[in-house]
Amino acid sequence: MKAKHSKASADAVVKDIRRQTRKQYSAEEKIRIVLEGLRGEDSIAELCRREGIAQGVYYKWSKDFMEAGKRRLAGDTVRNATSDEVKELRREARVLKEVVAEQTLEMRLLKKSMIGDGGDDE
């Protein structure tokens, strides 16, 4: 029983080491690999062997690359605003609403005073 436990823990250690030492590819490296695959000079299988990645990983990167390009060409350049930007825009909108409300009130008061004083109507 102890032998099974040590084998299981050894397997877990090996998996952890593989996970921690797995190569992290930068966006530029992913683009380079996808473009190389699109050129078609070598098979995707050969490219993936040379780069040390699974074919499924290559095809996922390729799909992501194409989707991003399609969104960009369609003009989808919206970015998420930061929470600070949202707070500032809300504050600015509140101030502008207050200014509009004050000016509207002043205009109503001026109209009432002109009508009450017999301004232009008489």
N, C-alpha and C. Protein backbone atom coordinates (compact mmCIF):
# COMPACT_ATOMS: atom_id res chain seq x y z
N MET A 1 0.82 -1.19 0.00
CA MET A 1 0.00 0.00 0.00
C MET A 1 0.86 1.25 0.00
N LYS A 2 1.97 1.20 0.72
CA LYS A 2 2.86 2.34 0.77
C LYS A 2 3.47 2.61 -0.60
N ALA A 3 3.74 1.56 -1.35
CA ALA A 3 4.32 1.70 -2.69
C ALA A 3 3.36 2.43 -3.61
N LYS A 4 2.06 2.14 -3.50
CA LYS A 4 1.06 2.84 -4.33
C LYS A 4 1.01 4.31 -3.98
N HIS A 5 1.07 4.59 -2.68
CA HIS A 5 0.99 5.99 -2.23
C HIS A 5 2.19 6.79 -2.71
N SER A 6 3.40 6.19 -2.63
CA SER A 6 4.59 6.92 -3.07
C SER A 6 4.61 7.09 -4.58
N LYS A 7 4.09 6.10 -5.32
CA LYS A 7 4.00 6.22 -6.77
C LYS A 7 3.03 7.33 -7.14
N ALA A 8 1.89 7.41 -6.45
CA ALA A 8 0.90 8.46 -6.73
C ALA A 8 1.47 9.83 -6.41
N SER A 9 2.18 9.93 -5.29
CA SER A 9 2.75 11.23 -4.95
C SER A 9 3.89 11.59 -5.91
N ALA A 10 4.63 10.60 -6.37
CA ALA A 10 5.70 10.86 -7.35
C ALA A 10 5.09 11.36 -8.66
N ASP A 11 3.98 10.75 -9.07
CA ASP A 11 3.30 11.20 -10.29
C ASP A 11 2.81 12.63 -10.13
N ALA A 12 2.28 12.95 -8.96
CA ALA A 12 1.79 14.31 -8.69
C ALA A 12 2.94 15.31 -8.75
N VAL A 13 4.10 14.92 -8.21
CA VAL A 13 5.27 15.80 -8.23
C VAL A 13 5.71 16.05 -9.67
N VAL A 14 5.74 14.98 -10.47
CA VAL A 14 6.15 15.12 -11.88
C VAL A 14 5.18 16.03 -12.62
N LYS A 15 3.86 15.85 -12.39
CA LYS A 15 2.86 16.71 -13.04
C LYS A 15 3.04 18.16 -12.64
N ASP A 16 3.30 18.40 -11.35
CA ASP A 16 3.51 19.78 -10.88
C ASP A 16 4.74 20.40 -11.54
N ILE A 17 5.81 19.61 -11.64
CA ILE A 17 7.03 20.13 -12.28
C ILE A 17 6.76 20.46 -13.73
N ARG A 18 6.05 19.56 -14.44
CA ARG A 18 5.73 19.83 -15.84
C ARG A 18 4.88 21.08 -15.97
N ARG A 19 3.91 21.22 -15.09
CA ARG A 19 3.01 22.38 -15.14
C ARG A 19 3.79 23.67 -14.91
N GLN A 20 4.71 23.64 -13.95
CA GLN A 20 5.46 24.84 -13.61
C GLN A 20 6.54 25.18 -14.64
N THR A 21 7.03 24.16 -15.34
CA THR A 21 8.08 24.42 -16.32
C THR A 21 7.54 24.52 -17.74
N ARG A 22 6.22 24.45 -17.88
CA ARG A 22 5.61 24.56 -19.21
C ARG A 22 5.96 25.93 -19.78
N LYS A 23 6.34 25.95 -21.02
CA LYS A 23 6.73 27.22 -21.66
C LYS A 23 5.53 28.12 -21.82
N GLN A 24 5.70 29.35 -21.45
CA GLN A 24 4.67 30.37 -21.65
C GLN A 24 5.03 31.13 -22.92
N TYR A 25 4.13 31.13 -23.88
CA TYR A 25 4.40 31.79 -25.15
C TYR A 25 3.85 33.21 -25.11
N SER A 26 4.65 34.15 -25.56
CA SER A 26 4.18 35.54 -25.63
C SER A 26 3.24 35.67 -26.83
N ALA A 27 2.52 36.77 -26.88
CA ALA A 27 1.61 37.01 -28.00
C ALA A 27 2.38 37.03 -29.31
N GLU A 28 3.58 37.62 -29.30
CA GLU A 28 4.39 37.70 -30.51
C GLU A 28 4.81 36.31 -30.99
N GLU A 29 5.17 35.44 -30.03
CA GLU A 29 5.56 34.08 -30.40
C GLU A 29 4.38 33.32 -30.99
N LYS A 30 3.21 33.47 -30.38
CA LYS A 30 2.01 32.80 -30.89
C LYS A 30 1.70 33.27 -32.31
N ILE A 31 1.80 34.57 -32.54
CA ILE A 31 1.52 35.12 -33.87
C ILE A 31 2.53 34.57 -34.88
N ARG A 32 3.80 34.54 -34.49
CA ARG A 32 4.84 34.01 -35.39
C ARG A 32 4.53 32.57 -35.77
N ILE A 33 4.16 31.76 -34.78
CA ILE A 33 3.87 30.34 -35.04
C ILE A 33 2.65 30.20 -35.93
N VAL A 34 1.59 30.95 -35.65
CA VAL A 34 0.37 30.87 -36.47
C VAL A 34 0.67 31.30 -37.91
N LEU A 35 1.40 32.40 -38.08
CA LEU A 35 1.73 32.86 -39.43
C LEU A 35 2.59 31.85 -40.18
N GLU A 36 3.50 31.22 -39.44
CA GLU A 36 4.33 30.19 -40.06
C GLU A 36 3.46 29.03 -40.54
N GLY A 37 2.46 28.68 -39.75
CA GLY A 37 1.54 27.62 -40.14
C GLY A 37 0.71 28.02 -41.34
N LEU A 38 0.30 29.27 -41.40
CA LEU A 38 -0.49 29.76 -42.53
C LEU A 38 0.31 29.80 -43.83
N ARG A 39 1.62 30.01 -43.71
CA ARG A 39 2.46 30.02 -44.92
C ARG A 39 2.45 28.65 -45.59
N GLY A 40 2.31 27.60 -44.79
CA GLY A 40 2.21 26.26 -45.36
C GLY A 40 3.51 25.66 -45.84
N GLU A 41 4.66 26.20 -45.46
CA GLU A 41 5.93 25.65 -45.90
C GLU A 41 6.17 24.26 -45.30
N ASP A 42 5.72 24.07 -44.06
CA ASP A 42 5.80 22.76 -43.41
C ASP A 42 4.40 22.36 -42.98
N SER A 43 4.22 21.09 -42.71
CA SER A 43 2.91 20.65 -42.23
C SER A 43 2.69 21.19 -40.81
N ILE A 44 1.44 21.28 -40.41
CA ILE A 44 1.12 21.75 -39.05
C ILE A 44 1.72 20.78 -38.04
N ALA A 45 1.68 19.49 -38.34
CA ALA A 45 2.25 18.49 -37.43
C ALA A 45 3.74 18.74 -37.22
N GLU A 46 4.46 19.00 -38.32
CA GLU A 46 5.90 19.27 -38.23
C GLU A 46 6.17 20.56 -37.45
N LEU A 47 5.42 21.60 -37.75
CA LEU A 47 5.57 22.88 -37.05
C LEU A 47 5.35 22.69 -35.55
N CYS A 48 4.30 21.97 -35.19
CA CYS A 48 3.99 21.77 -33.78
C CYS A 48 5.07 20.94 -33.08
N ARG A 49 5.60 19.94 -33.76
CA ARG A 49 6.70 19.15 -33.19
C ARG A 49 7.91 20.03 -32.94
N ARG A 50 8.26 20.85 -33.94
CA ARG A 50 9.42 21.73 -33.83
C ARG A 50 9.25 22.75 -32.71
N GLU A 51 8.04 23.28 -32.54
CA GLU A 51 7.79 24.30 -31.52
C GLU A 51 7.47 23.69 -30.15
N GLY A 52 7.22 22.39 -30.13
CA GLY A 52 6.94 21.72 -28.86
C GLY A 52 5.53 21.99 -28.33
N ILE A 53 4.57 22.13 -29.24
CA ILE A 53 3.18 22.35 -28.83
C ILE A 53 2.29 21.29 -29.44
N ALA A 54 1.14 21.10 -28.83
CA ALA A 54 0.16 20.16 -29.37
C ALA A 54 -0.56 20.82 -30.54
N GLN A 55 -1.02 20.01 -31.49
CA GLN A 55 -1.74 20.56 -32.64
C GLN A 55 -3.00 21.30 -32.20
N GLY A 56 -3.65 20.80 -31.17
CA GLY A 56 -4.86 21.46 -30.65
C GLY A 56 -4.56 22.87 -30.18
N VAL A 57 -3.39 23.05 -29.57
CA VAL A 57 -2.97 24.38 -29.12
C VAL A 57 -2.78 25.30 -30.32
N TYR A 58 -2.11 24.77 -31.37
CA TYR A 58 -1.90 25.56 -32.58
C TYR A 58 -3.25 26.01 -33.17
N TYR A 59 -4.18 25.08 -33.28
CA TYR A 59 -5.47 25.42 -33.90
C TYR A 59 -6.27 26.40 -33.04
N LYS A 60 -6.13 26.32 -31.73
CA LYS A 60 -6.80 27.30 -30.86
C LYS A 60 -6.20 28.69 -31.09
N TRP A 61 -4.86 28.77 -31.11
CA TRP A 61 -4.20 30.05 -31.37
C TRP A 61 -4.61 30.60 -32.72
N SER A 62 -4.67 29.72 -33.72
CA SER A 62 -5.04 30.14 -35.07
C SER A 62 -6.46 30.70 -35.08
N LYS A 63 -7.38 30.02 -34.41
CA LYS A 63 -8.77 30.49 -34.34
C LYS A 63 -8.85 31.83 -33.62
N ASP A 64 -8.15 31.96 -32.49
CA ASP A 64 -8.14 33.22 -31.75
C ASP A 64 -7.57 34.35 -32.61
N PHE A 65 -6.51 34.05 -33.34
CA PHE A 65 -5.86 35.03 -34.22
C PHE A 65 -6.84 35.51 -35.30
N MET A 66 -7.54 34.58 -35.92
CA MET A 66 -8.49 34.93 -36.98
C MET A 66 -9.67 35.73 -36.42
N GLU A 67 -10.18 35.32 -35.27
CA GLU A 67 -11.31 36.04 -34.65
C GLU A 67 -10.92 37.46 -34.29
N ALA A 68 -9.73 37.63 -33.73
CA ALA A 68 -9.26 38.97 -33.35
C ALA A 68 -9.11 39.85 -34.59
N GLY A 69 -8.57 39.27 -35.66
CA GLY A 69 -8.42 40.01 -36.91
C GLY A 69 -9.76 40.40 -37.49
N LYS A 70 -10.71 39.49 -37.43
CA LYS A 70 -12.05 39.77 -37.97
C LYS A 70 -12.72 40.90 -37.18
N ARG A 71 -12.61 40.85 -35.84
CA ARG A 71 -13.20 41.92 -35.01
C ARG A 71 -12.55 43.26 -35.31
N ARG A 72 -11.24 43.25 -35.45
CA ARG A 72 -10.50 44.50 -35.71
C ARG A 72 -10.89 45.09 -37.06
N LEU A 73 -10.99 44.25 -38.08
CA LEU A 73 -11.35 44.72 -39.41
C LEU A 73 -12.81 45.20 -39.46
N ALA A 74 -13.64 44.64 -38.59
CA ALA A 74 -15.04 45.05 -38.55
C ALA A 74 -15.21 46.35 -37.76
N GLY A 75 -14.13 46.85 -37.19
CA GLY A 75 -14.19 48.11 -36.48
C GLY A 75 -14.54 47.97 -35.01
N ASP A 76 -14.45 46.78 -34.48
CA ASP A 76 -14.76 46.55 -33.07
C ASP A 76 -13.53 46.90 -32.25
N THR A 77 -13.36 48.17 -31.99
CA THR A 77 -12.19 48.61 -31.25
C THR A 77 -12.57 49.10 -29.86
N VAL A 78 -13.74 48.68 -29.39
CA VAL A 78 -14.21 49.10 -28.07
C VAL A 78 -13.30 48.49 -27.02
N ARG A 79 -12.95 49.29 -26.04
CA ARG A 79 -12.18 48.76 -24.93
C ARG A 79 -12.96 48.99 -23.65
N ASN A 80 -12.66 48.21 -22.66
CA ASN A 80 -13.34 48.36 -21.39
C ASN A 80 -12.77 49.55 -20.63
N ALA A 81 -13.65 50.39 -20.12
CA ALA A 81 -13.22 51.54 -19.33
C ALA A 81 -12.81 51.05 -17.95
N THR A 82 -11.84 51.74 -17.38
CA THR A 82 -11.45 51.39 -16.02
C THR A 82 -12.49 51.94 -15.05
N SER A 83 -12.50 51.40 -13.85
CA SER A 83 -13.49 51.85 -12.87
C SER A 83 -13.27 53.32 -12.53
N ASP A 84 -12.02 53.78 -12.52
CA ASP A 84 -11.75 55.21 -12.25
C ASP A 84 -12.35 56.09 -13.35
N GLU A 85 -12.21 55.63 -14.61
CA GLU A 85 -12.80 56.40 -15.71
C GLU A 85 -14.32 56.46 -15.60
N VAL A 86 -14.92 55.34 -15.23
CA VAL A 86 -16.38 55.29 -15.09
C VAL A 86 -16.81 56.23 -13.96
N LYS A 87 -16.13 56.21 -12.83
CA LYS A 87 -16.47 57.09 -11.71
C LYS A 87 -16.37 58.56 -12.12
N GLU A 88 -15.30 58.90 -12.83
CA GLU A 88 -15.10 60.28 -13.27
C GLU A 88 -16.21 60.71 -14.24
N LEU A 89 -16.56 59.84 -15.18
CA LEU A 89 -17.62 60.17 -16.13
C LEU A 89 -18.97 60.33 -15.43
N ARG A 90 -19.24 59.50 -14.44
CA ARG A 90 -20.49 59.62 -13.69
C ARG A 90 -20.53 60.92 -12.91
N ARG A 91 -19.40 61.29 -12.31
CA ARG A 91 -19.32 62.55 -11.56
C ARG A 91 -19.56 63.73 -12.50
N GLU A 92 -18.92 63.69 -13.65
CA GLU A 92 -19.08 64.76 -14.63
C GLU A 92 -20.53 64.86 -15.11
N ALA A 93 -21.16 63.73 -15.36
CA ALA A 93 -22.57 63.73 -15.79
C ALA A 93 -23.46 64.32 -14.70
N ARG A 94 -23.20 63.98 -13.44
CA ARG A 94 -24.00 64.52 -12.33
C ARG A 94 -23.86 66.04 -12.25
N VAL A 95 -22.64 66.55 -12.39
CA VAL A 95 -22.41 68.00 -12.34
C VAL A 95 -23.14 68.69 -13.49
N LEU A 96 -23.05 68.12 -14.68
CA LEU A 96 -23.72 68.72 -15.84
C LEU A 96 -25.24 68.71 -15.66
N LYS A 97 -25.79 67.65 -15.11
CA LYS A 97 -27.23 67.60 -14.86
C LYS A 97 -27.64 68.68 -13.86
N GLU A 98 -26.82 68.90 -12.84
CA GLU A 98 -27.11 69.93 -11.85
C GLU A 98 -27.11 71.32 -12.50
N VAL A 99 -26.15 71.56 -13.39
CA VAL A 99 -26.08 72.86 -14.09
C VAL A 99 -27.32 73.06 -14.94
N VAL A 100 -27.73 72.05 -15.67
CA VAL A 100 -28.93 72.14 -16.52
C VAL A 100 -30.16 72.41 -15.65
N ALA A 101 -30.25 71.71 -14.52
CA ALA A 101 -31.40 71.90 -13.63
C ALA A 101 -31.43 73.33 -13.08
N GLU A 102 -30.29 73.87 -12.69
CA GLU A 102 -30.23 75.24 -12.17
C GLU A 102 -30.63 76.25 -13.24
N GLN A 103 -30.13 76.07 -14.46
CA GLN A 103 -30.46 77.01 -15.53
C GLN A 103 -31.94 76.92 -15.91
N THR A 104 -32.50 75.73 -15.89
CA THR A 104 -33.92 75.57 -16.18
C THR A 104 -34.75 76.30 -15.12
N LEU A 105 -34.39 76.15 -13.88
CA LEU A 105 -35.10 76.83 -12.79
C LEU A 105 -35.00 78.35 -12.94
N GLU A 106 -33.81 78.84 -13.24
CA GLU A 106 -33.63 80.29 -13.42
C GLU A 106 -34.49 80.81 -14.57
N MET A 107 -34.55 80.07 -15.68
CA MET A 107 -35.37 80.49 -16.82
C MET A 107 -36.84 80.55 -16.44
N ARG A 108 -37.32 79.58 -15.70
CA ARG A 108 -38.73 79.58 -15.28
C ARG A 108 -39.02 80.76 -14.36
N LEU A 109 -38.10 81.03 -13.44
CA LEU A 109 -38.31 82.17 -12.53
C LEU A 109 -38.32 83.48 -13.30
N LEU A 110 -37.43 83.63 -14.28
CA LEU A 110 -37.40 84.85 -15.08
C LEU A 110 -38.69 85.01 -15.89
N LYS A 111 -39.18 83.94 -16.47
CA LYS A 111 -40.44 84.00 -17.23
C LYS A 111 -41.59 84.41 -16.34
N LYS A 112 -41.67 83.82 -15.13
CA LYS A 112 -42.76 84.15 -14.21
C LYS A 112 -42.68 85.61 -13.78
N SER A 113 -41.44 86.11 -13.53
CA SER A 113 -41.32 87.50 -13.09
C SER A 113 -41.68 88.46 -14.21
N MET A 114 -41.36 88.09 -15.46
CA MET A 114 -41.72 88.96 -16.59
C MET A 114 -43.22 88.99 -16.80
N ILE A 115 -43.89 87.86 -16.67
CA ILE A 115 -45.34 87.80 -16.83
C ILE A 115 -46.00 88.54 -15.69
N GLY A 116 -45.50 88.37 -14.46
CA GLY A 116 -46.08 89.02 -13.28
C GLY A 116 -45.88 90.53 -13.31
N ASP A 117 -44.80 91.02 -13.89
CA ASP A 117 -44.52 92.45 -13.95
C ASP A 117 -45.20 93.12 -15.14
N GLY A 118 -45.84 92.35 -15.95
CA GLY A 118 -46.47 92.92 -17.14
C GLY A 118 -45.47 93.25 -18.20
N GLY A 119 -44.48 92.41 -18.38
CA GLY A 119 -43.40 92.64 -19.33
C GLY A 119 -43.88 92.83 -20.75
N ASP A 120 -43.50 92.02 -21.67
CA ASP A 120 -43.78 92.16 -23.10
C ASP A 120 -45.24 91.91 -23.44
N ASP A 121 -46.00 91.21 -22.58
CA ASP A 121 -47.36 90.84 -22.91
C ASP A 121 -48.29 92.03 -22.91
N GLU A 122 -48.00 93.16 -22.26
CA GLU A 122 -48.93 94.28 -22.19
C GLU A 122 -48.60 95.39 -23.07
